[in-house]
């Protein structure tokens, strides 16, 4: 998550995203002020929680 993207111009934001991409680090640019990216962030968290829930359920079956 990269916060305060509303303070960056498009060139600066692209440079930051490219730097993280070069490190294979996923970035979700967000702005709490404008709401930019918050829906994507929420969906990403929801998907991650669903994967964890499914992994936990699979472990419970294997361990029982």
N, C-alpha and C. Protein backbone atom coordinates (compact mmCIF):
# COMPACT_ATOMS: atom_id res chain seq x y z
N UNK A 1 0.85 -1.16 0.00
CA UNK A 1 0.00 0.00 0.00
C UNK A 1 0.90 1.23 0.00
N UNK A 2 0.59 2.13 -0.88
CA UNK A 2 1.31 3.40 -0.98
C UNK A 2 0.29 4.51 -0.74
N UNK A 3 0.39 5.15 0.40
CA UNK A 3 -0.59 6.16 0.80
C UNK A 3 -0.16 7.55 0.35
N UNK A 4 -1.10 8.45 0.37
CA UNK A 4 -0.92 9.86 0.04
C UNK A 4 -0.54 10.09 -1.42
N UNK A 5 -1.04 9.22 -2.31
CA UNK A 5 -0.69 9.38 -3.72
C UNK A 5 -1.29 10.65 -4.32
N UNK A 6 -2.25 11.25 -3.62
CA UNK A 6 -2.81 12.51 -4.09
C UNK A 6 -1.77 13.64 -4.06
N UNK A 7 -0.68 13.42 -3.32
CA UNK A 7 0.37 14.43 -3.23
C UNK A 7 1.43 14.28 -4.33
N UNK A 8 1.34 13.21 -5.11
CA UNK A 8 2.32 12.96 -6.17
C UNK A 8 1.73 13.29 -7.53
N UNK A 9 2.58 13.80 -8.42
CA UNK A 9 2.13 13.93 -9.80
C UNK A 9 2.27 12.58 -10.49
N UNK A 10 1.74 12.46 -11.69
CA UNK A 10 1.71 11.18 -12.39
C UNK A 10 3.11 10.62 -12.63
N UNK A 11 4.07 11.48 -12.93
CA UNK A 11 5.45 11.03 -13.19
C UNK A 11 6.07 10.46 -11.93
N UNK A 12 5.91 11.14 -10.82
CA UNK A 12 6.47 10.67 -9.55
C UNK A 12 5.83 9.36 -9.12
N UNK A 13 4.52 9.26 -9.27
CA UNK A 13 3.82 8.03 -8.91
C UNK A 13 4.32 6.86 -9.75
N UNK A 14 4.49 7.09 -11.04
CA UNK A 14 4.99 6.03 -11.92
C UNK A 14 6.39 5.60 -11.50
N UNK A 15 7.24 6.54 -11.15
CA UNK A 15 8.60 6.21 -10.71
C UNK A 15 8.59 5.35 -9.45
N UNK A 16 7.74 5.70 -8.51
CA UNK A 16 7.65 4.94 -7.26
C UNK A 16 7.12 3.54 -7.55
N UNK A 17 6.07 3.45 -8.35
CA UNK A 17 5.51 2.14 -8.69
C UNK A 17 6.54 1.28 -9.44
N UNK A 18 7.28 1.88 -10.34
CA UNK A 18 8.31 1.14 -11.08
C UNK A 18 9.41 0.64 -10.14
N UNK A 19 9.78 1.45 -9.16
CA UNK A 19 10.81 1.04 -8.20
C UNK A 19 10.35 -0.18 -7.41
N UNK A 20 9.11 -0.17 -6.95
CA UNK A 20 8.59 -1.32 -6.22
C UNK A 20 8.44 -2.54 -7.14
N UNK A 21 8.02 -2.31 -8.36
CA UNK A 21 7.86 -3.42 -9.32
C UNK A 21 9.21 -4.08 -9.58
N UNK A 22 10.27 -3.29 -9.64
CA UNK A 22 11.61 -3.85 -9.86
C UNK A 22 12.02 -4.77 -8.72
N UNK A 23 11.45 -4.56 -7.55
CA UNK A 23 11.73 -5.39 -6.37
C UNK A 23 10.70 -6.50 -6.22
N UNK A 24 9.79 -6.59 -7.17
CA UNK A 24 8.69 -7.57 -7.14
C UNK A 24 7.80 -7.39 -5.92
N UNK A 25 7.60 -6.14 -5.53
CA UNK A 25 6.74 -5.80 -4.39
C UNK A 25 5.44 -5.21 -4.94
N UNK A 26 4.32 -5.86 -4.67
CA UNK A 26 3.05 -5.30 -5.15
C UNK A 26 2.71 -4.01 -4.42
N UNK A 27 2.16 -3.07 -5.15
CA UNK A 27 1.81 -1.77 -4.57
C UNK A 27 0.37 -1.45 -4.95
N UNK A 28 -0.38 -1.00 -3.96
CA UNK A 28 -1.72 -0.49 -4.21
C UNK A 28 -1.68 0.98 -3.84
N UNK A 29 -1.67 1.86 -4.83
CA UNK A 29 -1.64 3.29 -4.52
C UNK A 29 -3.01 3.74 -3.99
N UNK A 30 -2.99 4.41 -2.85
CA UNK A 30 -4.25 4.89 -2.26
C UNK A 30 -4.12 6.33 -1.80
N UNK A 31 -5.26 6.95 -1.62
CA UNK A 31 -5.34 8.27 -1.01
C UNK A 31 -6.56 8.28 -0.10
N UNK A 32 -6.33 8.46 1.17
CA UNK A 32 -7.44 8.55 2.11
C UNK A 32 -8.24 9.83 1.86
N UNK A 33 -7.58 10.86 1.37
CA UNK A 33 -8.25 12.14 1.13
C UNK A 33 -9.22 12.04 -0.04
N UNK A 34 -8.77 11.48 -1.16
CA UNK A 34 -9.61 11.43 -2.36
C UNK A 34 -10.39 10.12 -2.49
N UNK A 35 -9.97 9.09 -1.75
CA UNK A 35 -10.61 7.79 -1.85
C UNK A 35 -10.02 6.92 -2.95
N UNK A 36 -9.05 7.45 -3.68
CA UNK A 36 -8.43 6.71 -4.77
C UNK A 36 -7.82 5.41 -4.25
N UNK A 37 -8.14 4.31 -4.90
CA UNK A 37 -7.54 3.02 -4.58
C UNK A 37 -8.13 2.29 -3.39
N UNK A 38 -9.04 2.92 -2.65
CA UNK A 38 -9.56 2.27 -1.44
C UNK A 38 -10.41 1.04 -1.77
N UNK A 39 -11.14 1.09 -2.86
CA UNK A 39 -11.94 -0.07 -3.26
C UNK A 39 -11.02 -1.24 -3.62
N UNK A 40 -9.96 -0.95 -4.36
CA UNK A 40 -8.99 -1.99 -4.72
C UNK A 40 -8.34 -2.56 -3.47
N UNK A 41 -7.98 -1.70 -2.53
CA UNK A 41 -7.36 -2.16 -1.29
C UNK A 41 -8.31 -3.06 -0.51
N UNK A 42 -9.57 -2.66 -0.41
CA UNK A 42 -10.57 -3.45 0.31
C UNK A 42 -10.75 -4.82 -0.34
N UNK A 43 -10.84 -4.84 -1.66
CA UNK A 43 -11.01 -6.12 -2.37
C UNK A 43 -9.78 -7.00 -2.22
N UNK A 44 -8.60 -6.39 -2.25
CA UNK A 44 -7.36 -7.16 -2.09
C UNK A 44 -7.30 -7.80 -0.71
N UNK A 45 -7.66 -7.04 0.32
CA UNK A 45 -7.70 -7.59 1.68
C UNK A 45 -8.73 -8.71 1.79
N UNK A 46 -9.91 -8.49 1.21
CA UNK A 46 -10.96 -9.50 1.28
C UNK A 46 -10.52 -10.80 0.60
N UNK A 47 -9.88 -10.68 -0.55
CA UNK A 47 -9.38 -11.87 -1.25
C UNK A 47 -8.31 -12.59 -0.43
N UNK A 48 -7.42 -11.83 0.19
CA UNK A 48 -6.37 -12.43 1.02
C UNK A 48 -6.97 -13.15 2.22
N UNK A 49 -7.96 -12.53 2.85
CA UNK A 49 -8.62 -13.17 4.00
C UNK A 49 -9.35 -14.45 3.58
N UNK A 50 -9.97 -14.43 2.42
CA UNK A 50 -10.67 -15.61 1.91
C UNK A 50 -9.67 -16.74 1.66
N UNK A 51 -8.51 -16.41 1.07
CA UNK A 51 -7.48 -17.43 0.84
C UNK A 51 -6.99 -18.02 2.16
N UNK A 52 -6.77 -17.16 3.15
CA UNK A 52 -6.33 -17.64 4.46
C UNK A 52 -7.38 -18.53 5.10
N UNK A 53 -8.65 -18.13 4.99
CA UNK A 53 -9.74 -18.93 5.55
C UNK A 53 -9.77 -20.31 4.89
N UNK A 54 -9.61 -20.35 3.57
CA UNK A 54 -9.60 -21.62 2.85
C UNK A 54 -8.40 -22.48 3.23
N UNK A 55 -7.25 -21.85 3.41
CA UNK A 55 -6.05 -22.59 3.82
C UNK A 55 -6.23 -23.16 5.22
N UNK A 56 -6.81 -22.38 6.13
CA UNK A 56 -7.07 -22.86 7.48
C UNK A 56 -8.03 -24.03 7.47
N UNK A 57 -9.06 -23.95 6.64
CA UNK A 57 -10.04 -25.03 6.54
C UNK A 57 -9.38 -26.30 6.00
N UNK A 58 -8.51 -26.15 5.01
CA UNK A 58 -7.80 -27.28 4.45
C UNK A 58 -6.87 -27.90 5.48
N UNK A 59 -6.20 -27.07 6.27
CA UNK A 59 -5.32 -27.60 7.32
C UNK A 59 -6.11 -28.35 8.38
N UNK A 60 -7.27 -27.82 8.73
CA UNK A 60 -8.10 -28.48 9.73
C UNK A 60 -8.53 -29.87 9.26
N UNK A 61 -8.83 -30.00 7.99
CA UNK A 61 -9.23 -31.30 7.44
C UNK A 61 -8.04 -32.26 7.48
N UNK A 62 -6.87 -31.79 7.11
CA UNK A 62 -5.67 -32.63 7.06
C UNK A 62 -5.27 -33.05 8.46
N UNK A 63 -5.40 -32.14 9.43
CA UNK A 63 -4.97 -32.43 10.79
C UNK A 63 -5.97 -33.30 11.55
N UNK A 64 -7.19 -33.44 11.07
CA UNK A 64 -8.19 -34.20 11.81
C UNK A 64 -8.14 -35.67 11.49
